[in-house]
Amino acid sequence: MQQDGHTALSQSISVNTTASRKKNTLWRRMVRNWELYLFIAPAFLYFLIFHYGPMYGIQIAFKNFIPTLGITGSPWVGFDHFVRFFNSYYFWDLLWNTLSISLYELAIGFPLPIILALAFNEVRDSFFKRTVQTVTYAPHFISVVVMSGMIITFLTPSTGMIVNLVEFLGFTPPQFLTDPAWFKTVYVLSGVWQSTGWGTIIYLAALSGVDPQLHEAAVVDGASRFKRILHINLPAIVPTITILLILNMGSILGVGFEKILLLQNPLNMESSDVISTFVYRSGLVDAQYSFSTAVGLFNSVVNAILLLTVNQIARRTSENSLW
């Protein structure tokens, strides 16, 4: 028994010594590379304060939050707010609008930067290339409010430039701003116009790493330009495409509410009301803080599950994944 006691004591001392050594090693490494830790500190503090800190308030999704009682003093209600949302008549409409807009945007907006980047990479006239890139990048720097104002101005029934163009061509222009059937198309195409050029940057960076000798060898073998794009350039950016696709799938329910809210009106509400605008309206306008937090938490959990699922599928089917 005495020997067992000595053995346990020795093991405890050994574990404590190992932990102390690891702690000292980590501290020494931090002191030795203090510039790198100082460099990363602002980003770390930003995420800690503005992303992880507010998670403390998630608990009001399971409470009947009363401002006078505070978060800790408000009574618990469990999953009542989630049940209320799932059983509401607008649940499926909100889910469908959010999913349809996201998938529509993904189907149109995701491949276009890839195609445009491959086209830019084949342009040899540097002046023309820089000019076109500048023109396509410029809309990215327009704020959402200004962009929404431009869309409304262009599509106004009486004076809109696009409406007048449609009439000039001999067609009857539809009610772009008030017809629910046109809202998603207007939203997606305006987003494509604003973001496609900017989205080519990361693909052009990946294409810059392609070995020119591969193209030279392909030319010698008689490969056309299209075949070189298909078999050399495109495979080179597949890892980048996979990572960006995973990230896009992880935000499939995260349709930003700013532009939707600015383009929204009572006539197109049927197709423009999404989860994010509903959270804004029920939380900030109607002061249903607990209910809106529950809806927002549901949205975030679904996005996280989609991100993990798509990443797992990508890891099993290829070598490209987030982790």
Protein backbone atom coordinates (compact mmCIF):
# COMPACT_ATOMS: atom_id res chain seq x y z
CA MET A 1 0.00 0.00 0.00
CA GLN A 2 2.84 2.34 0.87
CA GLN A 3 4.48 1.56 -2.46
CA ASP A 4 1.22 2.31 -4.34
CA GLY A 5 0.99 5.62 -2.53
CA HIS A 6 4.54 6.53 -3.55
CA THR A 7 3.76 5.56 -7.16
CA ALA A 8 0.61 7.73 -7.28
CA LEU A 9 2.51 10.64 -5.74
CA SER A 10 5.32 10.26 -8.28
CA GLN A 11 2.84 10.20 -11.18
CA SER A 12 1.09 13.30 -9.83
CA ILE A 13 4.39 15.14 -9.50
CA SER A 14 5.35 14.04 -13.04
CA VAL A 15 2.07 15.32 -14.52
CA ASN A 16 2.37 18.64 -12.71
CA THR A 17 5.98 19.00 -13.85
CA THR A 18 5.01 18.28 -17.48
CA ALA A 19 2.16 20.80 -17.34
CA SER A 20 4.48 23.39 -15.80
CA ARG A 21 7.06 22.81 -18.51
CA LYS A 22 4.44 23.18 -21.25
CA LYS A 23 3.19 26.40 -19.66
CA ASN A 24 6.73 27.77 -19.42
CA THR A 25 7.44 26.74 -23.01
CA LEU A 26 4.26 28.48 -24.24
CA TRP A 27 5.09 31.62 -22.28
CA ARG A 28 8.64 31.66 -23.64
CA ARG A 29 7.35 31.21 -27.17
CA MET A 30 4.92 34.10 -26.70
CA VAL A 31 7.67 36.34 -25.32
CA ARG A 32 10.01 35.38 -28.13
CA ASN A 33 7.37 36.10 -30.83
CA TRP A 34 5.60 38.99 -29.10
CA GLU A 35 5.39 40.97 -32.36
CA LEU A 36 3.26 38.27 -33.99
CA TYR A 37 0.92 38.04 -30.99
CA LEU A 38 0.65 41.84 -30.91
CA PHE A 39 -0.20 41.77 -34.62
CA ILE A 40 -3.02 39.27 -34.11
CA ALA A 41 -4.33 40.88 -30.91
CA PRO A 42 -6.75 43.41 -32.56
CA ALA A 43 -8.48 40.67 -34.58
CA PHE A 44 -8.61 38.41 -31.51
CA LEU A 45 -10.12 41.17 -29.37
CA TYR A 46 -12.59 42.09 -32.09
CA PHE A 47 -14.01 38.57 -32.30
CA LEU A 48 -13.89 38.15 -28.52
CA ILE A 49 -15.77 41.38 -27.78
CA PHE A 50 -18.18 41.68 -30.71
CA HIS A 51 -18.83 38.03 -31.63
CA TYR A 52 -18.27 35.81 -28.61
CA GLY A 53 -19.18 38.32 -25.90
CA PRO A 54 -22.76 38.90 -27.14
CA MET A 55 -23.39 35.14 -27.04
CA TYR A 56 -24.15 35.64 -23.36
CA GLY A 57 -27.47 37.12 -24.45
CA ILE A 58 -28.51 34.00 -26.40
CA GLN A 59 -30.15 32.72 -23.22
CA ILE A 60 -33.05 35.15 -23.65
CA ALA A 61 -34.22 32.90 -26.50
CA PHE A 62 -35.23 30.47 -23.74
CA LYS A 63 -36.66 33.14 -21.43
CA ASN A 64 -39.50 35.62 -21.38
CA PHE A 65 -37.15 38.58 -21.37
CA ILE A 66 -38.39 41.56 -19.39
CA PRO A 67 -36.01 44.57 -19.58
CA THR A 68 -36.77 45.69 -16.02
CA LEU A 69 -35.77 42.26 -14.67
CA GLY A 70 -32.69 41.88 -16.84
CA ILE A 71 -31.36 38.75 -18.51
CA THR A 72 -30.71 36.77 -15.34
CA GLY A 73 -33.95 37.82 -13.62
CA SER A 74 -36.30 37.02 -16.50
CA PRO A 75 -38.26 33.74 -16.16
CA TRP A 76 -37.35 30.65 -18.17
CA VAL A 77 -39.87 29.43 -20.77
CA GLY A 78 -37.82 26.68 -22.42
CA PHE A 79 -38.51 26.13 -26.11
CA ASP A 80 -41.83 28.02 -26.17
CA HIS A 81 -40.58 30.70 -28.58
CA PHE A 82 -39.22 28.09 -30.99
CA VAL A 83 -42.51 26.15 -30.92
CA ARG A 84 -44.42 29.37 -31.52
CA PHE A 85 -42.25 30.16 -34.56
CA PHE A 86 -42.45 26.64 -36.02
CA ASN A 87 -46.24 26.55 -35.62
CA SER A 88 -46.83 30.04 -37.02
CA TYR A 89 -48.54 30.48 -40.38
CA TYR A 90 -45.58 32.50 -41.75
CA PHE A 91 -42.83 29.96 -40.91
CA TRP A 92 -42.83 28.14 -44.25
CA ASP A 93 -43.20 31.37 -46.23
CA LEU A 94 -40.17 32.89 -44.50
CA LEU A 95 -38.14 29.72 -44.94
CA TRP A 96 -39.05 29.40 -48.61
CA ASN A 97 -38.30 33.04 -49.41
CA THR A 98 -34.94 32.85 -47.62
CA LEU A 99 -33.93 29.57 -49.27
CA SER A 100 -35.12 30.52 -52.74
CA ILE A 101 -33.29 33.86 -52.72
CA SER A 102 -30.09 32.26 -51.40
CA LEU A 103 -30.14 29.36 -53.87
CA TYR A 104 -31.05 31.70 -56.74
CA GLU A 105 -28.14 33.96 -55.80
CA LEU A 106 -25.81 30.98 -55.45
CA ALA A 107 -26.81 29.52 -58.81
CA ILE A 108 -26.33 32.80 -60.69
CA GLY A 109 -23.75 34.67 -58.64
CA PHE A 110 -21.31 31.89 -57.75
CA PRO A 111 -20.18 30.69 -61.23
CA LEU A 112 -20.01 34.13 -62.86
CA PRO A 113 -16.85 35.33 -61.02
CA ILE A 114 -15.16 32.05 -62.01
CA ILE A 115 -16.05 32.51 -65.67
CA LEU A 116 -15.03 36.18 -65.60
CA ALA A 117 -11.70 35.40 -63.89
CA LEU A 118 -10.89 32.72 -66.49
CA ALA A 119 -11.73 35.25 -69.22
CA PHE A 120 -9.58 37.98 -67.61
CA ASN A 121 -6.69 35.54 -67.37
CA GLU A 122 -6.77 35.00 -71.14
CA VAL A 123 -6.72 38.70 -72.05
CA ARG A 124 -3.30 39.79 -73.27
CA ASP A 125 -4.01 43.49 -73.86
CA SER A 126 -3.08 44.95 -70.45
CA PHE A 127 -4.83 48.30 -71.03
CA PHE A 128 -8.12 46.65 -72.00
CA LYS A 129 -7.80 44.18 -69.13
CA ARG A 130 -7.21 46.90 -66.53
CA THR A 131 -10.08 49.00 -67.90
CA VAL A 132 -12.59 46.15 -67.80
CA GLN A 133 -11.44 45.09 -64.34
CA THR A 134 -11.87 48.64 -63.02
CA VAL A 135 -15.37 48.87 -64.50
CA THR A 136 -16.42 45.53 -62.99
CA TYR A 137 -14.81 46.23 -59.59
CA ALA A 138 -16.36 49.69 -59.18
CA PRO A 139 -19.93 48.66 -58.17
CA HIS A 140 -18.52 46.80 -55.16
CA PHE A 141 -17.63 50.12 -53.54
CA ILE A 142 -21.17 51.49 -53.79
CA SER A 143 -22.94 51.35 -50.43
CA VAL A 144 -26.09 49.27 -50.04
CA VAL A 145 -28.23 52.38 -49.48
CA VAL A 146 -26.96 54.07 -52.63
CA MET A 147 -27.27 50.85 -54.61
CA SER A 148 -30.88 50.42 -53.50
CA GLY A 149 -31.62 54.03 -54.43
CA MET A 150 -30.13 53.45 -57.88
CA ILE A 151 -32.23 50.31 -58.36
CA ILE A 152 -35.41 52.16 -57.40
CA THR A 153 -34.50 55.06 -59.72
CA PHE A 154 -33.75 52.75 -62.66
CA LEU A 155 -36.97 50.73 -62.20
CA THR A 156 -39.46 53.49 -61.35
CA PRO A 157 -42.50 52.93 -63.64
CA SER A 158 -42.73 56.48 -65.00
CA THR A 159 -39.13 57.72 -65.21
CA GLY A 160 -36.94 54.63 -64.76
CA MET A 161 -34.16 54.26 -67.33
CA ILE A 162 -34.61 50.48 -67.68
CA VAL A 163 -38.41 50.84 -67.90
CA ASN A 164 -38.03 53.43 -70.66
CA LEU A 165 -35.60 51.12 -72.50
CA VAL A 166 -38.09 48.26 -72.37
CA GLU A 167 -40.82 50.54 -73.71
CA PHE A 168 -38.49 51.80 -76.46
CA LEU A 169 -37.95 48.21 -77.59
CA GLY A 170 -41.71 47.80 -77.94
CA PHE A 171 -42.43 45.70 -74.88
CA THR A 172 -44.72 46.36 -71.94
CA PRO A 173 -42.49 46.76 -68.86
CA PRO A 174 -43.48 44.73 -65.79
CA GLN A 175 -43.86 46.26 -62.34
CA PHE A 176 -40.33 45.46 -61.19
CA LEU A 177 -40.64 47.07 -57.77
CA THR A 178 -44.14 45.97 -56.80
CA ASP A 179 -44.66 42.61 -58.51
CA PRO A 180 -43.66 39.80 -56.07
CA ALA A 181 -42.66 37.61 -59.02
CA TRP A 182 -39.91 40.07 -60.01
CA PHE A 183 -38.46 40.89 -56.59
CA LYS A 184 -36.04 37.95 -56.36
CA THR A 185 -34.75 38.50 -59.88
CA VAL A 186 -34.17 42.21 -59.24
CA TYR A 187 -32.43 41.43 -55.93
CA VAL A 188 -30.18 38.70 -57.34
CA LEU A 189 -29.21 40.43 -60.60
CA SER A 190 -28.40 43.69 -58.84
CA GLY A 191 -26.24 41.71 -56.40
CA VAL A 192 -24.48 39.99 -59.29
CA TRP A 193 -23.77 43.35 -60.92
CA GLN A 194 -22.32 44.67 -57.67
CA SER A 195 -20.20 41.69 -56.60
CA THR A 196 -19.15 39.67 -59.66
CA GLY A 197 -16.12 41.79 -60.56
CA TRP A 198 -14.86 41.91 -56.98
CA GLY A 199 -15.32 38.15 -56.67
CA THR A 200 -12.81 37.52 -59.47
CA ILE A 201 -9.87 38.79 -57.41
CA ILE A 202 -9.36 35.62 -55.38
CA TYR A 203 -9.63 33.44 -58.50
CA LEU A 204 -7.14 35.60 -60.40
CA ALA A 205 -4.76 35.24 -57.45
CA ALA A 206 -5.09 31.46 -57.67
CA LEU A 207 -4.58 31.52 -61.45
CA SER A 208 -1.38 33.52 -61.05
CA GLY A 209 0.18 30.43 -59.45
CA VAL A 210 -0.30 28.24 -62.53
CA ASP A 211 3.02 27.11 -63.96
CA PRO A 212 3.46 28.65 -67.47
CA GLN A 213 5.37 25.53 -68.54
CA LEU A 214 2.12 23.57 -68.36
CA HIS A 215 0.59 25.86 -70.99
CA GLU A 216 3.73 25.71 -73.11
CA ALA A 217 3.69 21.92 -73.05
CA ALA A 218 -0.03 21.90 -73.89
CA VAL A 219 0.54 24.24 -76.86
CA VAL A 220 3.27 21.94 -78.15
CA ASP A 221 0.84 19.01 -77.88
CA GLY A 222 -1.69 20.96 -79.94
CA ALA A 223 -4.19 21.83 -77.19
CA SER A 224 -6.56 24.68 -78.01
CA ARG A 225 -7.07 27.63 -75.68
CA PHE A 226 -10.39 26.24 -74.50
CA LYS A 227 -8.82 22.86 -73.66
CA ARG A 228 -6.00 24.59 -71.77
CA ILE A 229 -8.56 26.52 -69.74
CA LEU A 230 -10.54 23.34 -69.09
CA HIS A 231 -7.62 21.06 -68.17
CA ILE A 232 -5.05 23.46 -66.66
CA ASN A 233 -6.60 26.68 -65.36
CA LEU A 234 -9.86 25.27 -64.05
CA PRO A 235 -8.29 22.42 -62.01
CA ALA A 236 -5.86 24.96 -60.53
CA ILE A 237 -8.70 26.94 -58.94
CA VAL A 238 -10.84 23.95 -57.88
CA PRO A 239 -9.54 24.12 -54.25
CA THR A 240 -10.48 27.81 -54.08
CA ILE A 241 -13.88 27.10 -55.61
CA THR A 242 -14.51 24.34 -53.06
CA ILE A 243 -13.62 26.51 -50.06
CA LEU A 244 -15.78 29.40 -51.24
CA LEU A 245 -18.67 27.05 -52.01
CA ILE A 246 -18.48 25.62 -48.49
CA LEU A 247 -18.53 29.12 -47.01
CA ASN A 248 -21.47 30.12 -49.20
CA MET A 249 -23.42 27.04 -48.19
CA GLY A 250 -22.74 27.90 -44.56
CA SER A 251 -24.61 31.17 -44.98
CA ILE A 252 -27.49 29.84 -47.07
CA LEU A 253 -30.04 31.23 -44.59
CA GLY A 254 -28.00 34.34 -43.87
CA VAL A 255 -29.52 36.60 -46.50
CA GLY A 256 -28.57 40.14 -45.55
CA PHE A 257 -31.57 42.21 -44.63
CA GLU A 258 -30.25 45.66 -45.56
CA LYS A 259 -30.95 45.67 -49.30
CA ILE A 260 -34.08 43.57 -48.92
CA LEU A 261 -35.42 45.99 -46.32
CA LEU A 262 -34.67 48.98 -48.56
CA LEU A 263 -36.37 47.40 -51.60
CA GLN A 264 -39.25 45.96 -49.61
CA ASN A 265 -42.75 47.41 -49.79
CA PRO A 266 -46.26 46.15 -48.89
CA LEU A 267 -46.90 44.99 -52.47
CA ASN A 268 -43.86 42.72 -52.81
CA MET A 269 -43.85 41.51 -49.17
CA GLU A 270 -45.13 38.13 -50.32
CA SER A 271 -41.73 37.23 -51.79
CA SER A 272 -39.41 39.69 -50.06
CA ASP A 273 -40.00 38.87 -46.40
CA VAL A 274 -37.12 36.67 -45.21
CA ILE A 275 -35.97 35.46 -41.81
CA SER A 276 -33.55 38.35 -41.27
CA THR A 277 -36.15 41.04 -42.01
CA PHE A 278 -38.64 39.21 -39.80
CA VAL A 279 -36.10 39.16 -36.94
CA TYR A 280 -35.52 42.90 -37.40
CA ARG A 281 -39.23 43.67 -37.46
CA SER A 282 -40.22 41.45 -34.53
CA GLY A 283 -37.21 42.37 -32.40
CA LEU A 284 -36.54 46.07 -32.93
CA VAL A 285 -39.89 47.27 -34.21
CA ASP A 286 -42.28 45.12 -32.16
CA ALA A 287 -39.92 44.74 -29.15
CA GLN A 288 -40.37 40.94 -29.00
CA TYR A 289 -36.78 40.44 -27.90
CA SER A 290 -36.95 36.83 -26.76
CA PHE A 291 -38.97 35.67 -29.74
CA SER A 292 -36.72 37.40 -32.29
CA THR A 293 -33.62 35.99 -30.56
CA ALA A 294 -35.09 32.48 -30.82
CA VAL A 295 -35.73 32.95 -34.55
CA GLY A 296 -32.21 34.34 -35.08
CA LEU A 297 -30.71 31.44 -33.09
CA PHE A 298 -32.62 28.94 -35.24
CA ASN A 299 -31.23 30.66 -38.33
CA SER A 300 -27.65 30.51 -37.02
CA VAL A 301 -27.89 26.87 -35.92
CA VAL A 302 -29.17 25.78 -39.35
CA ASN A 303 -26.33 27.69 -41.04
CA ALA A 304 -23.78 26.03 -38.74
CA ILE A 305 -25.19 22.57 -39.44
CA LEU A 306 -25.10 23.20 -43.19
CA LEU A 307 -21.50 24.43 -42.96
CA LEU A 308 -20.38 21.35 -41.02
CA THR A 309 -22.29 18.99 -43.31
CA VAL A 310 -20.99 20.44 -46.57
CA ASN A 311 -17.45 20.59 -45.18
CA GLN A 312 -17.67 16.94 -44.15
CA ILE A 313 -18.91 15.95 -47.60
CA ALA A 314 -16.09 17.93 -49.24
CA ARG A 315 -13.50 16.29 -46.99
CA ARG A 316 -14.73 12.80 -47.83
CA THR A 317 -15.01 13.37 -51.57
CA SER A 318 -11.86 15.45 -52.06
CA GLU A 319 -8.84 16.82 -50.26
CA ASN A 320 -10.28 20.32 -50.12
CA SER A 321 -12.10 21.37 -46.95
CA LEU A 322 -12.00 24.06 -44.28
CA TRP A 323 -10.57 21.66 -41.68
